C-alpha atoms as a PDB file:
ATOM      1  CA  MET A   1      -2.455  -0.421  -7.470  1.00  0.00           C
ATOM      2  CA  SER A   2      -3.635  -3.001  -5.079  1.00  0.00           C
ATOM      3  CA  CYS A   3      -4.236  -6.644  -4.284  1.00  0.00           C
ATOM      4  CA  SER A   4      -7.262  -7.088  -2.065  1.00  0.00           C
ATOM      5  CA  GLN A   5      -7.769  -8.929   1.191  1.00  0.00           C
ATOM      6  CA  ASN A   6     -10.321 -11.610   0.281  1.00  0.00           C
ATOM      7  CA  ASN A   7      -9.507 -14.579  -1.928  1.00  0.00           C
ATOM      8  CA  GLU A   8     -11.954 -15.817  -4.533  1.00  0.00           C
ATOM      9  CA  LYS A   9     -12.126 -19.147  -6.339  1.00  0.00           C
ATOM     10  CA  GLU A  10      -9.413 -20.054  -8.851  1.00  0.00           C
ATOM     11  CA  GLY A  11      -6.875 -17.777  -7.208  1.00  0.00           C
ATOM     12  CA  LYS A  12      -8.402 -14.520  -8.424  1.00  0.00           C
ATOM     13  CA  CYS A  13      -7.647 -11.227  -6.722  1.00  0.00           C
ATOM     14  CA  SER A  14     -10.923 -10.240  -5.106  1.00  0.00           C
ATOM     15  CA  HIS A  15     -10.711  -6.566  -5.991  1.00  0.00           C
ATOM     16  CA  GLY A  16     -14.093  -4.887  -6.305  1.00  0.00           C
ATOM     17  CA  LYS A  17     -14.655  -3.269  -9.679  1.00  0.00           C
ATOM     18  CA  LYS A  18     -14.742   0.140  -8.040  1.00  0.00           C
ATOM     19  CA  LEU A  19     -11.195  -0.369  -6.750  1.00  0.00           C
ATOM     20  CA  ILE A  20      -9.141  -2.462  -9.136  1.00  0.00           C
ATOM     21  CA  ILE A  21     -10.334  -1.090 -12.466  1.00  0.00           C
ATOM     22  CA  PRO A  22      -9.698   2.608 -11.749  1.00  0.00           C
ATOM     23  CA  LEU A  23      -6.291   1.706 -10.326  1.00  0.00           C
ATOM     24  CA  ILE A  24      -5.297  -0.388 -13.342  1.00  0.00           C
ATOM     25  CA  LEU A  25      -6.358   2.432 -15.630  1.00  0.00           C
ATOM     26  CA  ILE A  26      -4.588   5.135 -13.675  1.00  0.00           C
ATOM     27  CA  SER A  27      -1.327   3.209 -13.796  1.00  0.00           C
ATOM     28  CA  ILE A  28      -1.565   2.399 -17.496  1.00  0.00           C
ATOM     29  CA  LEU A  29      -2.781   5.831 -18.545  1.00  0.00           C
ATOM     30  CA  THR A  30      -0.094   7.528 -16.506  1.00  0.00           C
ATOM     31  CA  ASN A  31       2.505   5.465 -18.362  1.00  0.00           C
ATOM     32  CA  LEU A  32       0.890   6.534 -21.615  1.00  0.00           C
ATOM     33  CA  GLY A  33       1.168  10.180 -20.605  1.00  0.00           C
ATOM     34  CA  THR A  34      -2.608  10.701 -20.413  1.00  0.00           C
ATOM     35  CA  SER A  35      -2.787  11.112 -16.622  1.00  0.00           C
ATOM     36  CA  TYR A  36      -6.332  10.625 -15.300  1.00  0.00           C
ATOM     37  CA  TYR A  37      -8.207  11.620 -18.469  1.00  0.00           C
ATOM     38  CA  LEU A  38     -10.207   8.692 -19.822  1.00  0.00           C
ATOM     39  CA  ASN A  39     -11.631   8.488 -23.338  1.00  0.00           C
ATOM     40  CA  THR A  40     -13.089   5.561 -25.278  1.00  0.00           C
ATOM     41  CA  SER A  41     -10.861   6.456 -28.233  1.00  0.00           C
ATOM     42  CA  ILE A  42      -7.861   5.067 -26.341  1.00  0.00           C
ATOM     43  CA  ALA A  43      -9.565   1.863 -25.109  1.00  0.00           C
ATOM     44  CA  ASP A  44      -7.651  -0.374 -27.516  1.00  0.00           C
ATOM     45  CA  THR A  45      -4.358   1.272 -26.549  1.00  0.00           C
ATOM     46  CA  VAL A  46      -5.149   0.755 -22.864  1.00  0.00           C
ATOM     47  CA  ILE A  47      -5.888  -2.943 -23.349  1.00  0.00           C
ATOM     48  CA  GLU A  48      -2.760  -3.380 -25.459  1.00  0.00           C
ATOM     49  CA  LYS A  49      -0.652  -1.682 -22.799  1.00  0.00           C
ATOM     50  CA  TYR A  50      -2.270  -3.728 -20.037  1.00  0.00           C
ATOM     51  CA  LEU A  51      -1.475  -7.020 -21.756  1.00  0.00           C
ATOM     52  CA  ALA A  52       2.048  -5.843 -22.576  1.00  0.00           C
ATOM     53  CA  ASN A  53       2.589  -5.166 -18.864  1.00  0.00           C
ATOM     54  CA  GLU A  54       1.348  -8.656 -17.987  1.00  0.00           C
ATOM     55  CA  TYR A  55       3.608 -10.248 -20.629  1.00  0.00           C
ATOM     56  CA  GLU A  56       6.574  -8.308 -19.250  1.00  0.00           C
ATOM     57  CA  LYS A  57       5.857  -9.386 -15.654  1.00  0.00           C
ATOM     58  CA  ALA A  58       5.698 -13.015 -16.807  1.00  0.00           C
ATOM     59  CA  GLY A  59       8.984 -12.703 -18.694  1.00  0.00           C
ATOM     60  CA  GLY A  60       7.452 -12.591 -22.163  1.00  0.00           C
ATOM     61  CA  LYS A  61       4.311 -13.688 -23.969  1.00  0.00           C
ATOM     62  CA  GLU A  62       5.474 -17.303 -24.207  1.00  0.00           C
ATOM     63  CA  ASN A  63       5.963 -17.476 -20.437  1.00  0.00           C
ATOM     64  CA  TYR A  64       2.586 -15.821 -19.939  1.00  0.00           C
ATOM     65  CA  GLU A  65       0.953 -18.612 -21.936  1.00  0.00           C
ATOM     66  CA  LEU A  66       2.559 -21.123 -19.567  1.00  0.00           C
ATOM     67  CA  LEU A  67       0.954 -19.579 -16.504  1.00  0.00           C
ATOM     68  CA  SER A  68      -1.777 -21.546 -14.782  1.00  0.00           C
ATOM     69  CA  LYS A  69      -5.316 -21.046 -16.009  1.00  0.00           C
ATOM     70  CA  ALA A  70      -6.222 -19.356 -12.720  1.00  0.00           C
ATOM     71  CA  GLN A  71      -3.400 -16.841 -13.057  1.00  0.00           C
ATOM     72  CA  ARG A  72      -4.339 -15.983 -16.638  1.00  0.00           C
ATOM     73  CA  LEU A  73      -7.988 -15.597 -15.707  1.00  0.00           C
ATOM     74  CA  GLN A  74      -7.011 -13.302 -12.853  1.00  0.00           C
ATOM     75  CA  MET A  75      -5.362 -10.992 -15.387  1.00  0.00           C
ATOM     76  CA  GLU A  76      -7.633 -11.387 -18.390  1.00  0.00           C
ATOM     77  CA  ASP A  77     -10.948 -11.002 -16.590  1.00  0.00           C
ATOM     78  CA  GLN A  78     -10.001  -7.354 -16.065  1.00  0.00           C
ATOM     79  CA  ILE A  79     -10.211  -6.561 -19.797  1.00  0.00           C
ATOM     80  CA  PRO A  80     -14.010  -6.343 -20.191  1.00  0.00           C
ATOM     81  CA  GLN A  81     -14.179  -4.429 -16.920  1.00  0.00           C
ATOM     82  CA  ILE A  82     -11.602  -1.948 -18.204  1.00  0.00           C
ATOM     83  CA  LYS A  83     -13.633  -1.393 -21.359  1.00  0.00           C
ATOM     84  CA  GLN A  84     -16.806  -0.947 -19.333  1.00  0.00           C
ATOM     85  CA  PHE A  85     -15.123   1.509 -16.992  1.00  0.00           C
ATOM     86  CA  ILE A  86     -13.845   3.632 -19.875  1.00  0.00           C
ATOM     87  CA  ALA A  87     -17.293   3.631 -21.482  1.00  0.00           C
ATOM     88  CA  GLU A  88     -18.909   4.709 -18.221  1.00  0.00           C
ATOM     89  CA  LYS A  89     -16.356   7.475 -17.754  1.00  0.00           C
ATOM     90  CA  GLU A  90     -16.953   8.708 -21.269  1.00  0.00           C
ATOM     91  CA  GLY A  91     -20.633   9.010 -20.491  1.00  0.00           C
ATOM     92  CA  THR A  92     -20.166  10.862 -17.192  1.00  0.00           C
ATOM     93  CA  LYS A  93     -16.927  12.808 -17.562  1.00  0.00           C
ATOM     94  CA  SER A  94     -18.757  16.103 -18.127  1.00  0.00           C
ATOM     95  CA  ASN A  95     -20.958  15.607 -15.057  1.00  0.00           C
ATOM     96  CA  THR A  96     -18.793  16.528 -12.077  1.00  0.00           C
ATOM     97  CA  THR A  97     -21.691  16.104  -9.636  1.00  0.00           C
ATOM     98  CA  ASN A  98     -21.269  12.337  -9.886  1.00  0.00           C
ATOM     99  CA  THR A  99     -17.721  12.457  -8.509  1.00  0.00           C
ATOM    100  CA  VAL A 100     -17.401  11.064  -4.986  1.00  0.00           C
ATOM    101  CA  ALA A 101     -14.659  12.775  -2.992  1.00  0.00           C
ATOM    102  CA  PRO A 102     -12.430  10.737  -0.644  1.00  0.00           C
ATOM    103  CA  VAL A 103     -13.764  10.700   2.900  1.00  0.00           C
ATOM    104  CA  THR A 104     -11.793  12.379   5.682  1.00  0.00           C
ATOM    105  CA  LYS A 105     -12.347  10.718   9.061  1.00  0.00           C
ATOM    106  CA  THR A 106     -10.989  11.303  12.546  1.00  0.00           C
ATOM    107  CA  LEU A 107      -8.965   9.223  15.015  1.00  0.00           C
ATOM    108  CA  THR A 108      -8.641   9.829  18.743  1.00  0.00           C
ATOM    109  CA  THR A 109      -5.276  10.461  20.358  1.00  0.00           C
ATOM    110  CA  ASP A 110      -5.401   6.967  21.861  1.00  0.00           C
ATOM    111  CA  GLU A 111      -6.158   5.382  18.484  1.00  0.00           C
ATOM    112  CA  ILE A 112      -3.186   7.137  16.883  1.00  0.00           C
ATOM    113  CA  ALA A 113      -0.975   6.044  19.769  1.00  0.00           C
ATOM    114  CA  ALA A 114      -2.124   2.439  19.312  1.00  0.00           C
ATOM    115  CA  ILE A 115      -1.188   2.502  15.613  1.00  0.00           C
ATOM    116  CA  LYS A 116       2.288   3.749  16.498  1.00  0.00           C
ATOM    117  CA  LYS A 117       2.846   1.510  19.533  1.00  0.00           C
ATOM    118  CA  THR A 118       4.245  -1.458  17.601  1.00  0.00           C
ATOM    119  CA  ALA A 119       5.408   0.529  14.559  1.00  0.00           C
ATOM    120  CA  TYR A 120       8.870   1.340  13.258  1.00  0.00           C
ATOM    121  CA  ILE A 121       8.694   5.067  12.548  1.00  0.00           C
ATOM    122  CA  GLU A 122      10.860   6.556   9.798  1.00  0.00           C
ATOM    123  CA  GLY A 123      11.599  10.242  10.203  1.00  0.00           C
ATOM    124  CA  ASN A 124      10.742  12.818  12.857  1.00  0.00           C
ATOM    125  CA  LYS A 125       8.834  11.091  15.677  1.00  0.00           C
ATOM    126  CA  ASP A 126       6.995  14.361  16.423  1.00  0.00           C
ATOM    127  CA  ALA A 127       5.928  15.078  12.828  1.00  0.00           C
ATOM    128  CA  ILE A 128       2.494  16.529  12.158  1.00  0.00           C
ATOM    129  CA  ILE A 129       1.763  14.077   9.332  1.00  0.00           C
ATOM    130  CA  THR A 130       2.194  10.305   9.472  1.00  0.00           C
ATOM    131  CA  LEU A 131       1.920   8.052   6.424  1.00  0.00           C
ATOM    132  CA  VAL A 132       0.994   4.492   7.409  1.00  0.00           C
ATOM    133  CA  GLU A 133       1.588   2.239   4.413  1.00  0.00           C
ATOM    134  CA  TYR A 134      -0.173  -1.126   4.652  1.00  0.00           C
ATOM    135  CA  SER A 135       1.695  -3.288   2.193  1.00  0.00           C
ATOM    136  CA  ASP A 136       2.524  -6.762   0.904  1.00  0.00           C
ATOM    137  CA  LEU A 137       6.139  -7.529   0.050  1.00  0.00           C
ATOM    138  CA  GLU A 138       4.996  -9.650  -2.919  1.00  0.00           C
ATOM    139  CA  CYS A 139       2.311  -7.289  -4.236  1.00  0.00           C
ATOM    140  CA  PRO A 140       3.449  -6.016  -7.676  1.00  0.00           C
ATOM    141  CA  PHE A 141       1.758  -2.662  -7.096  1.00  0.00           C
ATOM    142  CA  CYS A 142       3.501  -2.258  -3.721  1.00  0.00           C
ATOM    143  CA  ILE A 143       6.795  -3.010  -5.434  1.00  0.00           C
ATOM    144  CA  ARG A 144       5.960  -0.406  -8.063  1.00  0.00           C
ATOM    145  CA  GLN A 145       5.132   2.219  -5.420  1.00  0.00           C
ATOM    146  CA  PHE A 146       8.450   1.522  -3.704  1.00  0.00           C
ATOM    147  CA  LYS A 147      10.483   1.640  -6.903  1.00  0.00           C
ATOM    148  CA  ASP A 148       8.721   4.862  -7.910  1.00  0.00           C
ATOM    149  CA  GLY A 149      10.062   6.291  -4.635  1.00  0.00           C
ATOM    150  CA  THR A 150       6.698   7.795  -3.699  1.00  0.00           C
ATOM    151  CA  ILE A 151       7.102   7.672   0.089  1.00  0.00           C
ATOM    152  CA  ASN A 152      10.708   8.871  -0.107  1.00  0.00           C
ATOM    153  CA  LYS A 153       9.591  11.788  -2.257  1.00  0.00           C
ATOM    154  CA  MET A 154       7.168  12.807   0.497  1.00  0.00           C
ATOM    155  CA  HIS A 155       9.994  12.717   3.050  1.00  0.00           C
ATOM    156  CA  GLU A 156      12.106  14.914   0.787  1.00  0.00           C
ATOM    157  CA  LYS A 157       9.304  17.399   0.152  1.00  0.00           C
ATOM    158  CA  TYR A 158       7.903  17.742   3.686  1.00  0.00           C
ATOM    159  CA  GLY A 159      11.008  17.083   5.813  1.00  0.00           C
ATOM    160  CA  ASP A 160      10.354  17.018   9.570  1.00  0.00           C
ATOM    161  CA  THR A 161       6.667  17.752   8.984  1.00  0.00           C
ATOM    162  CA  LEU A 162       6.201  14.112   7.953  1.00  0.00           C
ATOM    163  CA  ASN A 163       7.127  10.640   9.091  1.00  0.00           C
ATOM    164  CA  SER A 164       6.141   7.236   7.743  1.00  0.00           C
ATOM    165  CA  ILE A 165       5.400   3.716   8.903  1.00  0.00           C
ATOM    166  CA  PHE A 166       5.532   0.502   6.876  1.00  0.00           C
ATOM    167  CA  LYS A 167       3.136  -2.225   8.018  1.00  0.00           C
ATOM    168  CA  ASN A 168       2.227  -5.626   6.635  1.00  0.00           C
ATOM    169  CA  PHE A 169      -1.214  -6.393   5.220  1.00  0.00           C
ATOM    170  CA  ARG A 170      -2.548  -9.837   4.354  1.00  0.00           C
ATOM    171  CA  GLY A 171      -4.126  -9.323   0.941  1.00  0.00           C
ATOM    172  CA  VAL A 172      -4.108 -11.775  -1.947  1.00  0.00           C
ATOM    173  CA  PRO A 173      -2.363 -14.961  -0.714  1.00  0.00           C
ATOM    174  CA  HIS A 174       0.912 -14.545  -2.595  1.00  0.00           C
ATOM    175  CA  GLU A 175       3.083 -17.574  -1.988  1.00  0.00           C
ATOM    176  CA  ASN A 176       5.947 -15.877  -0.104  1.00  0.00           C
ATOM    177  CA  SER A 177       4.100 -12.995   1.566  1.00  0.00           C
ATOM    178  CA  GLU A 178       3.577 -14.563   4.984  1.00  0.00           C
ATOM    179  CA  ALA A 179       7.154 -15.841   5.243  1.00  0.00           C
ATOM    180  CA  GLU A 180       8.530 -12.440   4.246  1.00  0.00           C
ATOM    181  CA  ALA A 181       6.277 -10.526   6.646  1.00  0.00           C
ATOM    182  CA  ASN A 182       7.317 -12.863   9.451  1.00  0.00           C
ATOM    183  CA  ALA A 183      10.985 -12.408   8.564  1.00  0.00           C
ATOM    184  CA  LEU A 184      10.647  -8.626   8.341  1.00  0.00           C
ATOM    185  CA  LEU A 185       9.069  -8.435  11.779  1.00  0.00           C
ATOM    186  CA  CYS A 186      11.862 -10.632  13.135  1.00  0.00           C
ATOM    187  CA  ALA A 187      14.427  -8.271  11.614  1.00  0.00           C
ATOM    188  CA  GLY A 188      12.786  -5.378  13.423  1.00  0.00           C
ATOM    189  CA  GLU A 189      12.498  -7.283  16.683  1.00  0.00           C
ATOM    190  CA  ILE A 190      16.217  -8.055  16.653  1.00  0.00           C
ATOM    191  CA  GLY A 191      17.700  -4.968  15.025  1.00  0.00           C
ATOM    192  CA  GLY A 192      15.153  -2.200  15.608  1.00  0.00           C
ATOM    193  CA  THR A 193      14.000   0.430  13.135  1.00  0.00           C
ATOM    194  CA  GLU A 194      17.227   0.539  11.117  1.00  0.00           C
ATOM    195  CA  ALA A 195      17.193  -3.224  10.502  1.00  0.00           C
ATOM    196  CA  TYR A 196      13.463  -3.273   9.784  1.00  0.00           C
ATOM    197  CA  VAL A 197      13.673  -0.471   7.227  1.00  0.00           C
ATOM    198  CA  SER A 198      16.798  -1.869   5.592  1.00  0.00           C
ATOM    199  CA  TYR A 199      15.222  -5.313   5.366  1.00  0.00           C
ATOM    200  CA  TYR A 200      12.001  -4.345   3.588  1.00  0.00           C
ATOM    201  CA  ASN A 201      13.882  -1.887   1.377  1.00  0.00           C
ATOM    202  CA  ALA A 202      16.230  -4.676   0.275  1.00  0.00           C
ATOM    203  CA  ILE A 203      13.382  -7.080  -0.504  1.00  0.00           C
ATOM    204  CA  PHE A 204      11.530  -4.509  -2.605  1.00  0.00           C
ATOM    205  CA  THR A 205      14.720  -3.402  -4.356  1.00  0.00           C
ATOM    206  CA  ARG A 206      15.714  -6.935  -5.315  1.00  0.00           C
ATOM    207  CA  SER A 207      12.278  -8.344  -6.056  1.00  0.00           C
ATOM    208  CA  ASN A 208      11.576  -9.261  -9.663  1.00  0.00           C
ATOM    209  CA  GLY A 209       7.827  -8.855  -9.186  1.00  0.00           C
ATOM    210  CA  GLY A 210       6.675 -12.259 -10.304  1.00  0.00           C
ATOM    211  CA  ASN A 211       3.594 -14.065  -9.091  1.00  0.00           C
ATOM    212  CA  GLY A 212       4.172 -14.195  -5.358  1.00  0.00           C
ATOM    213  CA  THR A 213       7.775 -15.351  -5.433  1.00  0.00           C
ATOM    214  CA  GLY A 214       9.555 -12.174  -6.453  1.00  0.00           C
ATOM    215  CA  PHE A 215      11.981 -12.596  -3.567  1.00  0.00           C
ATOM    216  CA  SER A 216      13.068 -16.125  -2.665  1.00  0.00           C
ATOM    217  CA  LYS A 217      12.341 -17.485   0.800  1.00  0.00           C
ATOM    218  CA  ASP A 218      15.787 -19.076   0.670  1.00  0.00           C
ATOM    219  CA  ALA A 219      17.285 -15.579   0.580  1.00  0.00           C
ATOM    220  CA  LEU A 220      15.661 -14.359   3.807  1.00  0.00           C
ATOM    221  CA  LEU A 221      18.398 -15.586   6.185  1.00  0.00           C
ATOM    222  CA  PRO A 222      21.303 -14.548   3.910  1.00  0.00           C
ATOM    223  CA  LEU A 223      19.756 -11.089   3.665  1.00  0.00           C
ATOM    224  CA  ALA A 224      19.557 -10.825   7.447  1.00  0.00           C
ATOM    225  CA  LYS A 225      23.212 -11.760   7.763  1.00  0.00           C
ATOM    226  CA  GLU A 226      24.156  -9.287   5.031  1.00  0.00           C
ATOM    227  CA  LEU A 227      22.433  -6.539   7.023  1.00  0.00           C
ATOM    228  CA  LYS A 228      24.375  -7.535  10.174  1.00  0.00           C
ATOM    229  CA  ILE A 229      21.321  -9.013  11.899  1.00  0.00           C
ATOM    230  CA  ASP A 230      22.256 -11.884  14.219  1.00  0.00           C
ATOM    231  CA  GLY A 231      21.651 -14.981  12.084  1.00  0.00           C
ATOM    232  CA  LYS A 232      20.935 -17.425  14.920  1.00  0.00           C
ATOM    233  CA  LYS A 233      18.450 -15.116  16.616  1.00  0.00           C
ATOM    234  CA  PHE A 234      16.856 -14.327  13.275  1.00  0.00           C
ATOM    235  CA  GLN A 235      16.420 -17.977  12.266  1.00  0.00           C
ATOM    236  CA  ALA A 236      15.035 -18.900  15.683  1.00  0.00           C
ATOM    237  CA  CYS A 237      12.535 -16.056  15.461  1.00  0.00           C
ATOM    238  CA  VAL A 238      11.499 -16.993  11.923  1.00  0.00           C
ATOM    239  CA  ASP A 239      11.117 -20.679  12.820  1.00  0.00           C
ATOM    240  CA  SER A 240       8.910 -19.841  15.802  1.00  0.00           C
ATOM    241  CA  LYS A 241       6.467 -18.021  13.480  1.00  0.00           C
ATOM    242  CA  LYS A 242       5.442 -15.941  16.482  1.00  0.00           C
ATOM    243  CA  ASN A 243       5.238 -12.750  14.419  1.00  0.00           C
ATOM    244  CA  ILE A 244       2.539 -14.124  12.132  1.00  0.00           C
ATOM    245  CA  ALA A 245       0.098 -13.003  14.827  1.00  0.00           C
ATOM    246  CA  GLN A 246       1.473  -9.463  14.427  1.00  0.00           C
ATOM    247  CA  PHE A 247       1.075  -9.773  10.648  1.00  0.00           C
ATOM    248  CA  ASP A 248      -2.608 -10.588  11.200  1.00  0.00           C
ATOM    249  CA  ALA A 249      -2.987  -7.804  13.769  1.00  0.00           C
ATOM    250  CA  GLU A 250      -1.622  -5.232  11.310  1.00  0.00           C
ATOM    251  CA  THR A 251      -4.052  -6.507   8.684  1.00  0.00           C
ATOM    252  CA  VAL A 252      -6.983  -6.091  11.066  1.00  0.00           C
ATOM    253  CA  GLU A 253      -5.755  -2.626  12.015  1.00  0.00           C
ATOM    254  CA  GLY A 254      -5.539  -1.559   8.387  1.00  0.00           C
ATOM    255  CA  SER A 255      -8.965  -2.993   7.627  1.00  0.00           C
ATOM    256  CA  LYS A 256     -10.515  -0.905  10.407  1.00  0.00           C
ATOM    257  CA  LEU A 257      -9.037   2.180   8.727  1.00  0.00           C
ATOM    258  CA  GLY A 258     -10.642   1.253   5.419  1.00  0.00           C
ATOM    259  CA  VAL A 259      -7.768  -0.582   3.740  1.00  0.00           C
ATOM    260  CA  GLN A 260      -9.083  -3.277   1.411  1.00  0.00           C
ATOM    261  CA  GLY A 261      -6.024  -3.891  -0.743  1.00  0.00           C
ATOM    262  CA  THR A 262      -2.336  -3.180  -1.037  1.00  0.00           C
ATOM    263  CA  PRO A 263      -0.789  -0.716  -1.032  1.00  0.00           C
ATOM    264  CA  GLY A 264      -3.168   1.239   1.154  1.00  0.00           C
ATOM    265  CA  THR A 265      -1.655   4.366   2.698  1.00  0.00           C
ATOM    266  CA  VAL A 266      -3.414   6.086   5.582  1.00  0.00           C
ATOM    267  CA  VAL A 267      -2.420   9.755   5.885  1.00  0.00           C
ATOM    268  CA  ILE A 268      -2.896  11.035   9.440  1.00  0.00           C
ATOM    269  CA  ASN A 269      -2.706  14.549  10.884  1.00  0.00           C
ATOM    270  CA  ASN A 270      -1.419  13.794  14.383  1.00  0.00           C
ATOM    271  CA  GLN A 271      -2.620  17.158  15.725  1.00  0.00           C
ATOM    272  CA  THR A 272      -6.224  17.082  14.512  1.00  0.00           C
ATOM    273  CA  GLY A 273      -6.672  13.316  14.257  1.00  0.00           C
ATOM    274  CA  GLU A 274      -8.020  13.671  10.737  1.00  0.00           C
ATOM    275  CA  TYR A 275      -7.012  10.981   8.279  1.00  0.00           C
ATOM    276  CA  GLU A 276      -7.629   9.939   4.706  1.00  0.00           C
ATOM    277  CA  LEU A 277      -6.895   6.701   2.846  1.00  0.00           C
ATOM    278  CA  ILE A 278      -5.002   6.576  -0.449  1.00  0.00           C
ATOM    279  CA  ALA A 279      -6.135   3.210  -1.813  1.00  0.00           C
ATOM    280  CA  GLY A 280      -3.530   2.193  -4.372  1.00  0.00           C
ATOM    281  CA  ALA A 281      -0.187   3.074  -5.930  1.00  0.00           C
ATOM    282  CA  TYR A 282      -1.103   6.595  -6.965  1.00  0.00           C
ATOM    283  CA  PRO A 283       1.438   9.162  -8.224  1.00  0.00           C
ATOM    284  CA  ALA A 284       3.255  11.442  -5.796  1.00  0.00           C
ATOM    285  CA  SER A 285       0.943  14.295  -6.774  1.00  0.00           C
ATOM    286  CA  GLU A 286      -2.021  12.514  -5.171  1.00  0.00           C
ATOM    287  CA  PHE A 287      -0.085  12.039  -1.941  1.00  0.00           C
ATOM    288  CA  GLU A 288       0.792  15.735  -1.976  1.00  0.00           C
ATOM    289  CA  ARG A 289      -2.855  16.655  -2.520  1.00  0.00           C
ATOM    290  CA  VAL A 290      -4.018  14.649   0.487  1.00  0.00           C
ATOM    291  CA  ILE A 291      -1.155  15.786   2.735  1.00  0.00           C
ATOM    292  CA  ASN A 292      -1.733  19.438   1.844  1.00  0.00           C
ATOM    293  CA  LYS A 293      -5.452  19.020   2.460  1.00  0.00           C
ATOM    294  CA  LEU A 294      -4.837  17.659   5.953  1.00  0.00           C
ATOM    295  CA  LEU A 295      -2.303  20.421   6.635  1.00  0.00           C
ATOM    296  CA  GLY A 296      -4.807  23.037   5.509  1.00  0.00           C
ATOM    297  CA  VAL A 297      -2.525  24.155   2.696  1.00  0.00           C
ATOM    298  CA  GLN A 298      -4.210  25.485  -0.436  1.00  0.00           C
END
């Protein structure tokens, strides 16, 4: 699922109802084994599962109760919206004409080249399909997508037909996000693609989720040293904060492609220029659907 770009009062994620509620439901219902089918008869189960997930992320119900009022409101204000969404789906599920299909748009060759110019590309540089994941290293849904192995599964399935790019996106102001994005870009600047990929992989792998501090800022330099990145160069780069401008530039770039929250994955056909946005931490099957669509595969 995703954390959106704009920040509202009291620290709330500023997800629009059309984005955050379907994504919350898809995640919960998938865990329940009900896939994308919504029915009001499972509303109570959905809410129960949603709260259980929040308790688990906080380290238990008692810890959840200790969260700030703003944090609890951010979570709990989704409950009535979830119920409303399920009710609306129940009333329209038999009417397929109301379904709005994702929009496929087109980029020019120069626009695709600009996206790749500052990117660290994983996989075949000449691949037909490129996945550009706009992400936040502290976003719990980005962490989930990584730990589900969704992007790696696409590499395994499509081989040299596909490559991927991980970029930073300034969404909800999680406490450590900016520092981690800055550090990641420094890792890439010093050690290239291998260091960049290893660095963000390590942060996601070791993150405990949390509320914006899933990976400690104190661990950024030790991680660089562990990955054989020059510690002095790394610390100097981090201290200069020069890559925060790149962090902002990647956010602007993603926004122009329609990204409003994290993770937002833009799937591009490099030959036709066609692209489509996957807005959220959807299952691998949704990525396959979009990739196959852009490849013209039935």
